[in-house]
């Protein structure tokens, strides 16, 4: 979760999502986040919300995220335009499929990470739906507007909200309210109605759990959220638990674990670079990125397990066995499901192997730790078996 200092500092300057009134009715504690007033927790508290999401189904308001469309004359044109800015393979993206990708700089850094959806409806072909990070959407939209060809238009969807229903019982809830959604595979999307409300539904999320993200007209958001919360398995979840859940899942938070100084190879995000793109290049920063993927980057994002109970927060120094400073923690805290403190950070490549001993400097004192594989808690995404 971003620190308040990164967001607007006065309440008057903060934006609100279409669900702000509902959050207040539910007793949420609101905090500044990426320029918005957002719920950090509800009266039950972060630990209860975290565990509820791991065991049942949590409902998150992620309407602060940026939603936009790239609209071109056909899929090939729009895909090619996006491929000029990212290392993803979008020409090969099937109908109703989603792909995680990155906007990269000419130096190989990461401008933002985002999700890209090709509609399941062939009648909407030529349009790609993008969801970008809240704190980067202004940068992303300007980047797109400045670099898209004349025959591809950027359409920003300011009038939409975004909800995320996450957890092992999310599919059971959706089976009652929208049967077509319950049979979707991970990283697929459909258009369907929930309780008579038209929605764009994806099976994806940011917790490591099975779940769905639901884009809806802003004026229908509160009715949809209230309908979902009426189900016994569903509870509202704030940014605090969202952060502990994504950290346990080993997922990056922009501005913390990735930024314009970080390459996809360093961040261990090579899976986002398609096979064809690795062979052909042609995306910003391809020289550095492909070289690091082939030969290894000088540093790597790793999972870190501190000994004891003291958490290592963002900015904590990481030293090797000789006492040499080799990196910094980028995300850290207590992992309720992991059962103790966990962290992610960057270390020099020769100290990145699982099992490597590290020393963290926490409150001025050395704390023993070791490199561990990511994620800390296994992902439970829904993978459809081949028929």
Protein backbone atom coordinates (compact mmCIF):
# COMPACT_ATOMS: atom_id res chain seq x y z
CA UNK A 1 0.00 0.00 0.00
CA UNK A 2 1.38 3.43 -0.90
CA UNK A 3 2.30 5.81 1.87
CA UNK A 4 0.04 8.82 2.34
CA UNK A 5 2.96 11.10 1.43
CA UNK A 6 2.74 9.78 -2.13
CA UNK A 7 -0.85 10.92 -2.46
CA UNK A 8 -2.49 14.30 -2.15
CA UNK A 9 -1.97 15.72 1.30
CA UNK A 10 -5.29 17.51 1.79
CA UNK A 11 -8.66 15.83 1.95
CA UNK A 12 -10.20 18.59 -0.19
CA UNK A 13 -7.93 17.73 -3.11
CA UNK A 14 -8.75 14.01 -3.09
CA UNK A 15 -10.96 12.35 -5.66
CA UNK A 16 -13.61 9.84 -4.62
CA UNK A 17 -14.78 6.65 -6.27
CA UNK A 18 -18.47 5.99 -7.00
CA UNK A 19 -18.52 3.79 -3.87
CA UNK A 20 -17.29 6.44 -1.41
CA UNK A 21 -20.70 6.87 0.26
CA UNK A 22 -21.06 3.10 0.65
CA UNK A 23 -17.61 2.84 2.26
CA UNK A 24 -18.59 5.44 4.83
CA UNK A 25 -21.90 3.69 5.52
CA UNK A 26 -19.92 0.51 6.14
CA UNK A 27 -17.69 2.29 8.67
CA UNK A 28 -14.52 2.34 6.60
CA UNK A 29 -11.47 4.30 7.71
CA UNK A 30 -10.60 6.40 4.67
CA UNK A 31 -7.03 7.37 3.75
CA UNK A 32 -5.34 9.19 0.85
CA UNK A 33 -4.09 6.78 -1.82
CA UNK A 34 -2.94 7.72 -5.34
CA UNK A 35 -4.96 10.93 -5.21
CA UNK A 36 -8.15 9.25 -3.96
CA UNK A 37 -9.89 8.87 -0.63
CA UNK A 38 -9.91 5.10 -0.24
CA UNK A 39 -10.93 2.61 2.50
CA UNK A 40 -7.86 1.20 4.25
CA UNK A 41 -9.97 -1.00 6.55
CA UNK A 42 -13.47 -1.59 7.89
CA UNK A 43 -14.44 -2.06 11.57
CA UNK A 44 -13.43 -5.75 11.60
CA UNK A 45 -9.79 -4.80 10.93
CA UNK A 46 -7.08 -5.72 8.43
CA UNK A 47 -6.24 -9.16 9.85
CA UNK A 48 -9.86 -10.32 9.78
CA UNK A 49 -10.31 -8.93 6.26
CA UNK A 50 -7.15 -10.68 5.05
CA UNK A 51 -8.23 -14.03 6.48
CA UNK A 52 -11.79 -13.62 5.18
CA UNK A 53 -10.44 -13.18 1.64
CA UNK A 54 -8.23 -16.26 1.96
CA UNK A 55 -11.16 -18.33 3.26
CA UNK A 56 -14.29 -16.86 1.66
CA UNK A 57 -14.78 -13.91 -0.73
CA UNK A 58 -13.65 -10.32 -0.26
CA UNK A 59 -15.05 -7.36 -2.21
CA UNK A 60 -12.57 -4.61 -3.10
CA UNK A 61 -13.24 -1.20 -4.61
CA UNK A 62 -10.55 -0.67 -7.26
CA UNK A 63 -12.38 2.10 -9.11
CA UNK A 64 -9.36 4.37 -8.65
CA UNK A 65 -7.58 2.33 -11.31
CA UNK A 66 -7.50 3.76 -14.81
CA UNK A 67 -9.80 2.17 -17.39
CA UNK A 68 -9.42 3.02 -21.07
CA UNK A 69 -9.89 1.61 -24.56
CA UNK A 70 -7.68 1.57 -27.61
CA UNK A 71 -9.94 1.68 -30.66
CA UNK A 72 -8.70 0.92 -34.15
CA UNK A 73 -10.11 -0.34 -37.46
CA UNK A 74 -9.24 -3.97 -36.71
CA UNK A 75 -7.47 -6.11 -34.13
CA UNK A 76 -4.18 -6.33 -36.03
CA UNK A 77 -3.87 -2.54 -36.20
CA UNK A 78 -4.68 -1.95 -32.54
CA UNK A 79 -2.48 -4.83 -31.38
CA UNK A 80 0.46 -3.59 -33.43
CA UNK A 81 0.06 -0.10 -31.96
CA UNK A 82 0.19 -1.49 -28.41
CA UNK A 83 3.12 -3.75 -29.26
CA UNK A 84 5.11 -0.64 -30.20
CA UNK A 85 4.90 0.44 -26.54
CA UNK A 86 5.05 -2.90 -24.69
CA UNK A 87 6.86 -6.26 -24.95
CA UNK A 88 3.58 -8.22 -24.98
CA UNK A 89 2.25 -10.33 -27.84
CA UNK A 90 -1.16 -8.82 -28.61
CA UNK A 91 -1.42 -9.88 -32.22
CA UNK A 92 -1.67 -13.42 -30.84
CA UNK A 93 -4.16 -12.55 -28.08
CA UNK A 94 -7.35 -14.55 -28.58
CA UNK A 95 -10.94 -13.35 -28.27
CA UNK A 96 -11.95 -12.99 -24.64
CA UNK A 97 -8.38 -13.29 -23.40
CA UNK A 98 -6.39 -11.08 -20.99
CA UNK A 99 -2.66 -10.43 -20.89
CA UNK A 100 -0.47 -8.76 -18.27
CA UNK A 101 2.07 -6.39 -19.79
CA UNK A 102 4.36 -3.42 -19.18
CA UNK A 103 4.87 0.00 -20.69
CA UNK A 104 8.66 0.22 -21.02
CA UNK A 105 11.03 3.15 -21.49
CA UNK A 106 13.67 3.36 -24.22
CA UNK A 107 16.19 2.58 -21.45
CA UNK A 108 14.36 -0.61 -20.49
CA UNK A 109 12.66 0.64 -17.32
CA UNK A 110 8.99 0.15 -16.42
CA UNK A 111 6.58 3.06 -16.88
CA UNK A 112 3.68 0.99 -15.55
CA UNK A 113 2.27 -2.53 -15.45
CA UNK A 114 -1.22 -3.11 -16.79
CA UNK A 115 -3.85 -5.61 -17.90
CA UNK A 116 -5.02 -5.78 -21.51
CA UNK A 117 -8.26 -7.50 -22.60
CA UNK A 118 -9.50 -8.41 -26.06
CA UNK A 119 -13.28 -8.57 -26.03
CA UNK A 120 -14.94 -11.96 -26.45
CA UNK A 121 -17.38 -10.42 -28.93
CA UNK A 122 -15.95 -10.44 -32.46
CA UNK A 123 -18.18 -7.44 -33.18
CA UNK A 124 -15.98 -5.36 -30.85
CA UNK A 125 -12.79 -6.41 -32.58
CA UNK A 126 -10.30 -3.61 -33.07
CA UNK A 127 -10.82 -2.55 -29.45
CA UNK A 128 -8.52 -3.41 -26.54
CA UNK A 129 -9.51 -2.67 -22.92
CA UNK A 130 -6.69 -1.51 -20.64
CA UNK A 131 -6.59 -1.25 -16.83
CA UNK A 132 -3.64 0.77 -15.51
CA UNK A 133 -2.46 1.79 -12.06
CA UNK A 134 -4.19 4.71 -10.35
CA UNK A 135 -1.01 6.61 -9.59
CA UNK A 136 0.23 6.26 -13.17
CA UNK A 137 -2.88 6.73 -15.27
CA UNK A 138 -2.14 10.38 -16.12
CA UNK A 139 1.38 9.38 -17.22
CA UNK A 140 0.07 6.36 -19.13
CA UNK A 141 -2.65 8.26 -20.96
CA UNK A 142 -0.18 10.95 -22.04
CA UNK A 143 2.27 8.26 -23.15
CA UNK A 144 -0.40 6.53 -25.21
CA UNK A 145 -1.77 9.74 -26.71
CA UNK A 146 1.71 10.83 -27.79
CA UNK A 147 2.65 7.51 -29.38
CA UNK A 148 -0.45 5.94 -30.91
CA UNK A 149 -0.80 6.03 -34.72
CA UNK A 150 -3.52 8.21 -36.22
CA UNK A 151 -5.83 5.26 -36.88
CA UNK A 152 -5.89 4.12 -33.22
CA UNK A 153 -7.78 6.26 -30.69
CA UNK A 154 -7.40 6.40 -26.92
CA UNK A 155 -10.81 6.53 -25.19
CA UNK A 156 -10.59 7.08 -21.43
CA UNK A 157 -13.51 5.55 -19.51
CA UNK A 158 -13.99 8.07 -16.71
CA UNK A 159 -17.58 6.95 -16.15
CA UNK A 160 -16.84 3.40 -15.01
CA UNK A 161 -16.19 1.76 -11.66
CA UNK A 162 -14.18 -1.40 -11.00
CA UNK A 163 -14.85 -4.01 -8.31
CA UNK A 164 -12.81 -7.07 -7.43
CA UNK A 165 -14.37 -10.16 -5.85
CA UNK A 166 -11.53 -12.33 -4.58
CA UNK A 167 -11.30 -15.59 -2.65
CA UNK A 168 -12.00 -19.33 -2.86
CA UNK A 169 -15.79 -18.83 -2.60
CA UNK A 170 -15.96 -16.05 -5.23
CA UNK A 171 -16.91 -18.54 -7.94
CA UNK A 172 -19.78 -19.92 -5.85
CA UNK A 173 -21.16 -16.40 -5.43
CA UNK A 174 -20.84 -15.73 -9.15
CA UNK A 175 -22.48 -19.06 -9.98
CA UNK A 176 -25.64 -17.83 -8.24
CA UNK A 177 -25.62 -14.30 -9.66
CA UNK A 178 -24.04 -14.83 -13.10
CA UNK A 179 -23.67 -18.51 -14.05
CA UNK A 180 -21.68 -17.73 -17.22
CA UNK A 181 -18.92 -16.15 -15.13
CA UNK A 182 -18.47 -19.17 -12.87
CA UNK A 183 -17.25 -21.32 -15.78
CA UNK A 184 -14.65 -18.82 -17.03
CA UNK A 185 -10.96 -19.69 -17.02
CA UNK A 186 -8.20 -17.60 -15.44
CA UNK A 187 -7.28 -14.52 -17.53
CA UNK A 188 -10.45 -14.63 -19.64
CA UNK A 189 -13.22 -12.05 -20.00
CA UNK A 190 -16.90 -11.88 -20.91
CA UNK A 191 -19.72 -9.35 -21.00
CA UNK A 192 -22.67 -10.46 -18.87
CA UNK A 193 -25.34 -9.16 -16.50
CA UNK A 194 -25.25 -9.49 -12.71
CA UNK A 195 -28.68 -9.00 -11.19
CA UNK A 196 -29.72 -7.14 -14.33
CA UNK A 197 -26.65 -4.86 -14.35
CA UNK A 198 -24.47 -5.00 -17.48
CA UNK A 199 -20.87 -5.80 -16.58
CA UNK A 200 -17.52 -6.54 -18.17
CA UNK A 201 -16.16 -9.45 -16.13
CA UNK A 202 -12.64 -10.86 -16.02
CA UNK A 203 -11.34 -13.81 -14.01
CA UNK A 204 -8.26 -12.20 -12.55
CA UNK A 205 -7.11 -10.25 -9.52
CA UNK A 206 -4.34 -9.07 -7.24
CA UNK A 207 -4.53 -11.40 -4.23
CA UNK A 208 -3.23 -14.72 -5.53
CA UNK A 209 -6.71 -16.16 -4.99
CA UNK A 210 -9.30 -17.15 -7.55
CA UNK A 211 -11.56 -14.23 -8.28
CA UNK A 212 -13.13 -11.75 -10.64
CA UNK A 213 -12.77 -8.11 -11.59
CA UNK A 214 -15.99 -6.42 -12.66
CA UNK A 215 -16.13 -3.17 -14.66
CA UNK A 216 -19.49 -1.42 -14.51
CA UNK A 217 -21.07 1.96 -15.24
CA UNK A 218 -20.31 4.29 -12.34
CA UNK A 219 -24.00 4.95 -11.61
CA UNK A 220 -24.60 1.20 -11.18
CA UNK A 221 -21.59 0.54 -8.95
CA UNK A 222 -23.25 0.96 -5.56
CA UNK A 223 -26.19 -1.25 -6.54
CA UNK A 224 -23.80 -3.95 -7.75
CA UNK A 225 -21.58 -3.75 -4.67
CA UNK A 226 -24.60 -3.92 -2.36
CA UNK A 227 -25.94 -6.93 -4.23
CA UNK A 228 -22.62 -8.75 -3.89
CA UNK A 229 -22.30 -7.82 -0.21
CA UNK A 230 -25.76 -9.29 0.41
CA UNK A 231 -24.28 -12.75 -0.23
CA UNK A 232 -23.19 -14.45 3.03
CA UNK A 233 -19.71 -15.30 1.71
CA UNK A 234 -18.86 -11.69 0.80
CA UNK A 235 -17.39 -8.96 3.02
CA UNK A 236 -15.89 -5.55 2.16
CA UNK A 237 -12.08 -5.44 2.17
CA UNK A 238 -9.83 -2.38 2.32
CA UNK A 239 -6.39 -1.42 1.04
CA UNK A 240 -4.60 -2.75 4.11
CA UNK A 241 -5.56 -6.36 3.46
CA UNK A 242 -5.16 -5.84 -0.29
CA UNK A 243 -1.50 -5.02 0.38
CA UNK A 244 -0.82 -7.98 2.69
CA UNK A 245 -2.58 -10.35 0.26
CA UNK A 246 -0.62 -9.18 -2.79
CA UNK A 247 2.66 -9.29 -0.84
CA UNK A 248 2.03 -12.91 0.17
CA UNK A 249 1.27 -13.62 -3.51
CA UNK A 250 4.61 -12.08 -4.51
CA UNK A 251 2.94 -9.48 -6.74
CA UNK A 252 4.59 -6.15 -7.53
CA UNK A 253 3.24 -2.75 -6.49
CA UNK A 254 4.21 0.03 -8.88
CA UNK A 255 6.33 2.76 -7.29
CA UNK A 256 7.64 0.29 -4.73
CA UNK A 257 8.74 -2.98 -6.35
CA UNK A 258 8.92 -1.64 -9.91
CA UNK A 259 9.57 1.78 -11.44
CA UNK A 260 11.27 3.47 -14.37
CA UNK A 261 14.71 2.49 -13.01
CA UNK A 262 13.75 -1.21 -12.87
CA UNK A 263 13.83 -3.57 -15.84
CA UNK A 264 11.40 -6.46 -16.37
CA UNK A 265 14.28 -8.94 -16.04
CA UNK A 266 15.37 -7.48 -12.70
CA UNK A 267 11.79 -7.59 -11.47
CA UNK A 268 11.43 -11.26 -12.48
CA UNK A 269 8.63 -10.32 -14.91
CA UNK A 270 10.11 -12.02 -17.94
CA UNK A 271 6.90 -14.06 -18.34
CA UNK A 272 5.25 -10.87 -19.65
CA UNK A 273 7.53 -10.84 -22.69
CA UNK A 274 6.08 -13.05 -25.42
CA UNK A 275 8.17 -15.63 -27.30
CA UNK A 276 7.72 -13.80 -30.59
CA UNK A 277 8.67 -10.49 -28.98
CA UNK A 278 11.83 -12.04 -27.55
CA UNK A 279 12.78 -13.19 -31.01
CA UNK A 280 11.81 -10.04 -32.91
CA UNK A 281 12.33 -7.23 -30.37
CA UNK A 282 10.95 -3.94 -31.60
CA UNK A 283 9.67 -2.63 -28.26
CA UNK A 284 11.10 0.20 -26.14
CA UNK A 285 14.20 -0.87 -24.21
CA UNK A 286 14.45 -4.18 -26.07
CA UNK A 287 18.25 -4.03 -26.19
CA UNK A 288 18.70 -3.95 -22.42
CA UNK A 289 15.74 -6.15 -21.59
CA UNK A 290 16.55 -8.97 -24.01
CA UNK A 291 20.23 -8.88 -23.02
CA UNK A 292 19.33 -9.20 -19.34
CA UNK A 293 16.90 -12.03 -20.03
CA UNK A 294 19.63 -13.89 -21.92
CA UNK A 295 22.61 -13.19 -19.67
CA UNK A 296 20.99 -12.36 -16.34
CA UNK A 297 20.49 -8.91 -14.80
CA UNK A 298 22.91 -7.47 -12.22
CA UNK A 299 20.23 -7.59 -9.51
CA UNK A 300 17.00 -9.50 -8.95
CA UNK A 301 13.74 -9.15 -7.05
CA UNK A 302 13.56 -11.94 -4.47
CA UNK A 303 11.43 -13.13 -1.59
CA UNK A 304 12.94 -12.57 1.84
CA UNK A 305 12.10 -14.41 5.06
CA UNK A 306 13.28 -12.54 8.18
CA UNK A 307 13.93 -14.56 11.33
CA UNK A 308 11.82 -13.85 14.39
CA UNK A 309 8.71 -11.66 14.44
CA UNK A 310 10.00 -8.18 13.56
CA UNK A 311 8.86 -7.02 10.09
CA UNK A 312 11.31 -5.45 7.66
CA UNK A 313 9.62 -2.47 6.03
CA UNK A 314 10.23 -0.78 2.70
CA UNK A 315 13.66 0.87 2.58
CA UNK A 316 15.33 -1.62 4.95
CA UNK A 317 18.97 -2.22 4.00
CA UNK A 318 19.93 -5.73 2.87
CA UNK A 319 23.50 -6.89 3.54
CA UNK A 320 25.26 -10.08 2.45
CA UNK A 321 27.23 -12.43 4.70
CA UNK A 322 30.28 -10.13 4.54
CA UNK A 323 28.30 -7.09 5.65
CA UNK A 324 28.24 -5.50 2.21
CA UNK A 325 25.12 -3.53 1.28
CA UNK A 326 23.56 -5.42 -1.66
CA UNK A 327 20.04 -4.00 -1.89
CA UNK A 328 16.91 -2.66 -0.26
CA UNK A 329 13.55 -4.05 0.79
CA UNK A 330 10.81 -2.72 -1.53
CA UNK A 331 7.76 -4.25 0.21
CA UNK A 332 7.58 -5.79 3.64
CA UNK A 333 5.27 -6.53 6.53
CA UNK A 334 3.51 -9.30 8.39
CA UNK A 335 2.02 -12.11 6.32
CA UNK A 336 -1.02 -13.47 8.21
CA UNK A 337 -1.32 -16.59 6.04
CA UNK A 338 2.46 -17.01 5.81
CA UNK A 339 2.55 -16.87 9.61
CA UNK A 340 5.28 -14.28 10.07
CA UNK A 341 7.19 -11.36 8.60
CA UNK A 342 7.82 -11.44 4.84
CA UNK A 343 9.45 -9.06 2.40
CA UNK A 344 10.50 -8.54 -1.19
CA UNK A 345 13.52 -6.62 -2.36
CA UNK A 346 16.36 -6.42 -4.82
CA UNK A 347 19.71 -8.08 -4.19
CA UNK A 348 22.81 -8.53 -6.33
CA UNK A 349 22.52 -11.51 -8.65
CA UNK A 350 25.15 -13.53 -6.78
CA UNK A 351 22.99 -13.34 -3.62
CA UNK A 352 19.65 -14.17 -5.22
CA UNK A 353 19.56 -17.97 -4.93
CA UNK A 354 16.95 -19.39 -2.52
CA UNK A 355 18.55 -20.24 0.81
CA UNK A 356 21.14 -17.44 0.63
CA UNK A 357 21.75 -15.90 4.07
CA UNK A 358 21.14 -12.16 4.39
CA UNK A 359 21.26 -9.55 7.12
CA UNK A 360 18.56 -6.88 7.35
CA UNK A 361 19.16 -3.66 9.26
CA UNK A 362 15.90 -3.14 11.16
CA UNK A 363 15.74 -0.13 13.50
CA UNK A 364 19.52 0.04 13.44
CA UNK A 365 19.99 -3.58 14.46
CA UNK A 366 21.03 -6.57 12.31
CA UNK A 367 18.33 -9.17 11.69
CA UNK A 368 19.08 -12.54 10.11
CA UNK A 369 17.08 -13.46 7.01
CA UNK A 370 17.27 -15.66 3.94
CA UNK A 371 16.19 -15.63 0.34
CA UNK A 372 13.08 -17.75 -0.29
CA UNK A 373 11.11 -18.55 -3.46
CA UNK A 374 8.09 -16.43 -4.40
CA UNK A 375 5.18 -16.51 -3.79
CA UNK A 376 5.03 -16.86 -0.01
CA UNK A 377 1.51 -18.31 -0.29
CA UNK A 378 0.69 -20.51 -3.33
CA UNK A 379 -1.51 -18.97 -5.99
CA UNK A 380 -4.95 -20.51 -6.34
CA UNK A 381 -6.03 -19.19 -9.73
CA UNK A 382 -8.66 -21.25 -11.53
CA UNK A 383 -7.15 -23.17 -14.43
CA UNK A 384 -9.64 -24.94 -16.66
CA UNK A 385 -8.58 -28.46 -17.58
CA UNK A 386 -8.28 -29.26 -21.28
CA UNK A 387 -11.41 -30.89 -22.64
